[in-house]
Protein backbone atom coordinates (compact mmCIF):
# COMPACT_ATOMS: atom_id res chain seq x y z
CA MET A 1 0.00 0.00 0.00
CA ARG A 2 1.04 3.53 -0.74
CA SER A 3 1.72 5.56 2.34
CA ALA A 4 -0.12 8.85 2.64
CA GLU A 5 2.23 11.71 2.01
CA PRO A 6 2.08 14.58 4.41
CA ASP A 7 0.39 17.81 3.25
CA ARG A 8 3.11 20.12 2.04
CA ARG A 9 0.88 23.24 1.90
CA THR A 10 2.04 25.95 4.20
CA GLU A 11 0.47 29.09 5.67
CA PHE A 12 2.31 32.25 6.48
CA ARG A 13 1.53 33.44 9.97
CA PRO A 14 2.21 37.19 10.29
CA PRO A 15 4.47 38.40 13.06
CA GLY A 16 3.18 39.97 16.23
CA ARG A 17 -0.04 38.00 16.69
CA HIS A 18 1.50 34.52 17.09
CA GLY A 19 4.91 35.50 18.40
CA GLY A 20 8.26 35.68 16.74
CA ASP A 21 8.95 36.38 13.17
CA GLY A 22 6.79 35.12 10.40
CA GLN A 23 6.50 31.36 10.69
CA GLN A 24 5.42 28.72 8.24
CA VAL A 25 2.92 26.24 9.59
CA SER A 26 2.45 23.03 7.68
CA GLY A 27 -0.95 21.94 6.56
CA LEU A 28 -0.38 18.61 8.29
CA ALA A 29 0.00 20.43 11.63
CA ARG A 30 -3.32 22.12 11.03
CA GLY A 31 -5.00 18.85 10.31
CA GLY A 32 -5.07 19.48 6.55
CA ALA A 33 -7.65 22.30 6.76
CA ILE A 34 -7.85 24.72 3.86
CA PRO A 35 -6.89 28.22 5.00
CA ARG A 36 -9.82 30.70 5.12
CA ARG A 37 -9.77 34.15 3.57
CA PRO A 38 -9.57 36.77 6.31
CA MET A 39 -12.74 38.90 6.75
CA PRO A 40 -12.40 42.65 6.31
CA HIS A 41 -12.44 44.77 9.41
CA PRO A 42 -15.90 46.17 10.33
CA ASP A 43 -14.58 49.72 10.22
CA ARG A 44 -13.28 49.15 6.70
CA MET A 45 -16.68 47.77 5.65
CA SER A 46 -18.54 50.81 6.95
CA MET A 47 -16.07 53.16 5.27
CA SER A 48 -16.54 51.33 1.95
CA ALA A 49 -20.32 51.50 2.21
CA ALA A 50 -20.17 55.22 3.02
CA ARG A 51 -17.83 55.82 0.09
CA ALA A 52 -20.21 53.96 -2.26
CA ALA A 53 -23.20 55.92 -0.95
CA CYS A 54 -21.42 59.24 -1.51
CA SER A 55 -20.59 58.28 -5.08
CA MET A 56 -24.30 57.86 -5.94
CA SER A 57 -25.64 61.11 -7.41
CA PRO A 58 -29.21 62.20 -6.53
CA PRO A 59 -31.84 61.94 -9.26
CA SER A 60 -32.15 64.91 -11.54
CA PRO A 61 -35.30 67.06 -11.17
CA LYS A 62 -36.10 66.32 -14.80
CA ASP A 63 -36.21 62.59 -14.00
CA THR A 64 -38.78 63.14 -11.24
CA PRO A 65 -42.37 63.47 -12.48
CA VAL A 66 -43.84 66.84 -11.49
CA THR A 67 -47.54 66.62 -10.66
CA TRP A 68 -48.46 68.77 -7.68
CA ASN A 69 -46.89 72.16 -8.19
CA ILE A 70 -47.88 75.83 -8.33
CA PRO A 71 -48.98 75.86 -12.03
CA ASN A 72 -51.27 72.86 -11.48
CA ALA A 73 -52.57 74.43 -8.26
CA LEU A 74 -53.51 77.58 -10.21
CA THR A 75 -55.34 75.46 -12.77
CA LEU A 76 -57.28 73.68 -10.01
CA LEU A 77 -58.06 77.09 -8.48
CA ARG A 78 -59.57 78.16 -11.80
CA ILE A 79 -61.84 75.11 -11.77
CA ALA A 80 -62.79 75.77 -8.14
CA LEU A 81 -63.78 79.34 -9.03
CA ILE A 82 -66.52 78.11 -11.38
CA PRO A 83 -69.10 77.23 -8.67
CA VAL A 84 -68.08 80.40 -6.80
CA PHE A 85 -68.92 82.42 -9.91
CA VAL A 86 -72.29 80.70 -10.31
CA VAL A 87 -73.31 81.34 -6.71
CA ILE A 88 -72.29 85.01 -6.80
CA PHE A 89 -74.00 85.51 -10.17
CA TYR A 90 -77.42 84.76 -8.64
CA LEU A 91 -76.96 86.72 -5.41
CA PRO A 92 -79.73 89.34 -5.03
CA VAL A 93 -77.29 92.16 -4.29
CA PRO A 94 -76.33 95.13 -6.49
CA TRP A 95 -72.62 94.33 -6.35
CA ALA A 96 -72.99 90.73 -7.54
CA ARG A 97 -72.02 91.47 -11.17
CA THR A 98 -68.99 93.48 -10.09
CA LEU A 99 -67.75 90.65 -7.89
CA CYS A 100 -68.43 88.14 -10.69
CA ALA A 101 -66.32 90.24 -13.07
CA LEU A 102 -63.48 90.21 -10.53
CA VAL A 103 -63.74 86.42 -10.11
CA PHE A 104 -63.74 85.88 -13.86
CA GLY A 105 -60.81 88.28 -14.26
CA LEU A 106 -58.87 86.34 -11.61
CA ALA A 107 -59.62 83.07 -13.40
CA SER A 108 -58.44 84.58 -16.70
CA LEU A 109 -55.23 85.75 -15.02
CA THR A 110 -54.48 82.26 -13.71
CA ASP A 111 -55.05 80.95 -17.25
CA TRP A 112 -52.05 82.97 -18.41
CA LEU A 113 -50.00 82.62 -15.23
CA ASP A 114 -50.06 78.82 -14.87
CA GLY A 115 -48.72 78.25 -18.37
CA TRP A 116 -46.05 80.91 -18.00
CA LEU A 117 -44.83 79.53 -14.68
CA ALA A 118 -44.86 75.93 -15.93
CA ARG A 119 -42.63 76.85 -18.88
CA ARG A 120 -40.34 79.13 -16.88
CA TRP A 121 -39.81 76.72 -13.99
CA GLY A 122 -39.78 73.57 -16.12
CA GLN A 123 -42.81 72.18 -14.28
CA THR A 124 -44.87 71.01 -17.21
CA SER A 125 -46.70 67.74 -16.55
CA PRO A 126 -49.30 65.50 -18.21
CA LEU A 127 -51.80 66.47 -15.52
CA GLY A 128 -51.34 70.16 -16.25
CA ALA A 129 -51.57 69.61 -20.00
CA PHE A 130 -54.89 67.84 -19.44
CA LEU A 131 -56.41 70.17 -16.85
CA ASP A 132 -55.53 73.53 -18.44
CA PRO A 133 -57.76 73.31 -21.56
CA VAL A 134 -60.51 71.62 -19.53
CA ALA A 135 -60.55 74.49 -17.02
CA ASP A 136 -60.65 77.09 -19.81
CA LYS A 137 -63.52 75.49 -21.68
CA LEU A 138 -65.56 74.85 -18.53
CA MET A 139 -65.28 78.46 -17.38
CA VAL A 140 -66.04 79.95 -20.80
CA ALA A 141 -69.00 77.67 -21.52
CA ILE A 142 -70.64 78.15 -18.10
CA VAL A 143 -70.23 81.94 -18.10
CA LEU A 144 -71.70 82.22 -21.61
CA VAL A 145 -74.66 80.04 -20.65
CA LEU A 146 -75.33 82.21 -17.59
CA LEU A 147 -75.11 85.40 -19.66
CA VAL A 148 -77.54 84.10 -22.25
CA GLN A 149 -79.89 82.91 -19.51
CA ALA A 150 -79.79 86.37 -17.88
CA GLU A 151 -80.33 88.23 -21.20
CA PRO A 152 -82.01 85.81 -23.62
CA HIS A 153 -81.80 87.49 -27.00
CA VAL A 154 -80.43 86.31 -30.30
CA LEU A 155 -77.64 88.89 -30.51
CA LEU A 156 -75.98 87.33 -27.49
CA ALA A 157 -77.00 83.72 -28.07
CA LEU A 158 -75.52 83.57 -31.59
CA PRO A 159 -71.84 84.31 -30.76
CA ALA A 160 -72.15 82.23 -27.58
CA ALA A 161 -73.30 79.22 -29.63
CA VAL A 162 -70.47 79.73 -32.13
CA ILE A 163 -67.82 79.89 -29.41
CA ILE A 164 -69.09 76.85 -27.49
CA GLY A 165 -69.53 74.84 -30.70
CA ARG A 166 -66.02 75.70 -31.79
CA GLU A 167 -64.55 74.58 -28.46
CA ILE A 168 -66.30 71.22 -28.73
CA THR A 169 -65.16 70.75 -32.33
CA VAL A 170 -61.52 71.64 -31.72
CA SER A 171 -61.40 69.49 -28.57
CA ALA A 172 -62.70 66.49 -30.50
CA LEU A 173 -60.23 67.21 -33.32
CA ARG A 174 -57.27 67.36 -30.93
CA GLU A 175 -58.32 64.16 -29.21
CA TRP A 176 -58.58 62.32 -32.51
CA MET A 177 -55.24 63.70 -33.74
CA ALA A 178 -53.61 62.58 -30.49
CA GLU A 179 -54.87 59.04 -31.07
CA ILE A 180 -53.08 58.86 -34.42
CA GLY A 181 -49.92 60.51 -33.05
CA ALA A 182 -50.34 63.84 -34.86
CA ARG A 183 -51.28 66.04 -31.91
CA GLY A 184 -48.61 68.61 -32.79
CA LYS A 185 -50.39 69.57 -36.01
CA VAL A 186 -53.24 71.15 -34.03
CA ALA A 187 -51.17 72.82 -31.32
CA VAL A 188 -52.25 76.21 -30.01
CA SER A 189 -51.58 78.90 -32.62
CA MET A 190 -51.26 82.68 -32.45
CA ALA A 191 -54.80 83.01 -33.80
CA GLY A 192 -56.06 80.89 -30.91
CA LYS A 193 -54.22 83.05 -28.37
CA LEU A 194 -55.62 86.24 -29.90
CA LYS A 195 -59.10 84.73 -29.80
CA THR A 196 -58.71 83.81 -26.15
CA THR A 197 -57.55 87.31 -25.17
CA THR A 198 -60.40 89.05 -27.03
CA GLN A 199 -62.91 86.56 -25.66
CA MET A 200 -61.84 87.06 -22.04
CA ILE A 201 -62.03 90.87 -22.30
CA ALA A 202 -65.46 90.68 -23.93
CA MET A 203 -66.83 88.35 -21.28
CA VAL A 204 -65.52 90.49 -18.41
CA LEU A 205 -67.31 93.51 -19.90
CA LEU A 206 -70.52 91.54 -20.46
CA VAL A 207 -70.49 90.20 -16.92
CA LEU A 208 -69.90 93.71 -15.56
CA GLY A 209 -72.63 95.27 -17.73
CA GLY A 210 -74.12 98.73 -17.40
CA GLU A 211 -72.00 101.81 -17.91
CA LEU A 212 -68.51 102.70 -16.74
CA TRP A 213 -67.20 106.25 -17.00
CA GLY A 214 -70.05 107.01 -19.34
CA LEU A 215 -69.19 104.14 -21.69
CA PRO A 216 -71.73 101.41 -22.59
CA ILE A 217 -69.75 98.46 -21.24
CA ASP A 218 -72.29 95.83 -22.27
CA THR A 219 -72.38 97.11 -25.87
CA ILE A 220 -68.58 97.17 -26.12
CA GLY A 221 -68.46 93.67 -24.66
CA LEU A 222 -71.00 92.40 -27.19
CA VAL A 223 -69.01 93.83 -30.10
CA LEU A 224 -65.82 92.24 -28.78
CA LEU A 225 -67.67 88.94 -28.36
CA TYR A 226 -68.53 88.98 -32.08
CA VAL A 227 -64.89 89.72 -32.86
CA ALA A 228 -63.93 86.76 -30.66
CA ALA A 229 -66.49 84.57 -32.48
CA LEU A 230 -64.95 85.47 -35.85
CA LEU A 231 -61.46 84.75 -34.51
CA THR A 232 -62.84 81.49 -33.16
CA LEU A 233 -64.02 80.40 -36.59
CA TRP A 234 -60.76 81.53 -38.17
CA SER A 235 -58.60 79.55 -35.73
CA MET A 236 -60.86 76.52 -36.14
CA LEU A 237 -60.40 76.64 -39.92
CA LEU A 238 -56.62 76.84 -39.42
CA TYR A 239 -56.72 73.74 -37.22
CA LEU A 240 -58.91 71.88 -39.70
CA ARG A 241 -56.64 72.79 -42.59
CA ALA A 242 -53.59 71.55 -40.67
CA ALA A 243 -55.37 68.30 -39.82
CA TRP A 244 -57.05 67.80 -43.21
CA PRO A 245 -54.38 65.49 -44.70
CA SER A 246 -54.74 63.20 -41.69
CA LEU A 247 -58.52 63.39 -41.80
CA THR A 248 -58.68 62.42 -45.48
CA ALA A 249 -55.93 59.78 -45.37
CA PRO A 250 -57.07 56.18 -45.98
CA ALA A 251 -57.44 54.03 -42.91
CA PRO A 252 -54.56 51.60 -42.29
CA GLY A 253 -55.27 48.27 -43.97
CA ALA A 254 -58.23 49.61 -45.92
CA SER A 255 -58.58 48.27 -49.46
CA GLY A 256 -60.06 50.01 -52.43
CA ASP A 257 -62.62 47.27 -53.07
CA GLU A 258 -65.81 47.32 -51.07
CA ALA A 259 -67.58 44.22 -49.93
CA PRO A 260 -70.70 43.39 -52.01
């Protein structure tokens, strides 16, 4: 029989902890055990973890979705002002129309301010892009309905119907263009911004009514409302012309032959 040869593996034992200079201990003396890798010192482990944590940079603000911010809060304030306007409009007090004009003017100011702040501070969000046009259309439609109900004559009802009909048409057009990925073709234009500005001024004057400094405010407001209605039709035609190629394009997968 072959005799078992002793284990020739050696381990270097550092000086100081086991006495004397560095010594070589045979594997046979250790019973043939495989030497273990020394564990790092706990202090070294904590220092390594701290160094790794410091090397991690915080997420960029652009990578964090912005939802609840000042621009969106202003948009929600504009929606909250709608029932306030309705209640004040029917108050049996002589200053009700004046207060309604102030409320509507404040809502119109937030319409401009929320978009400006969102672009300046880089706080645009999907929620804001959805709520902003909804708030505008709700306020305009409800105020026009209340004005026509308070003074039911055709001269006021006609431009009100044109403006509300245009808002419904353009909203449906933008929704459909977004579904086919062509939302940018019907983005807000300069004609639309001019229409909005004229429309807001006209509605403030109509809500105020009466005379101011000897000027017939309600008549001036009615004239401006007709100007806004014409601008409304003009901007709607611009949107339709931009979207016309997509509207008249054949549906994907459609064939020229019809089923009998």
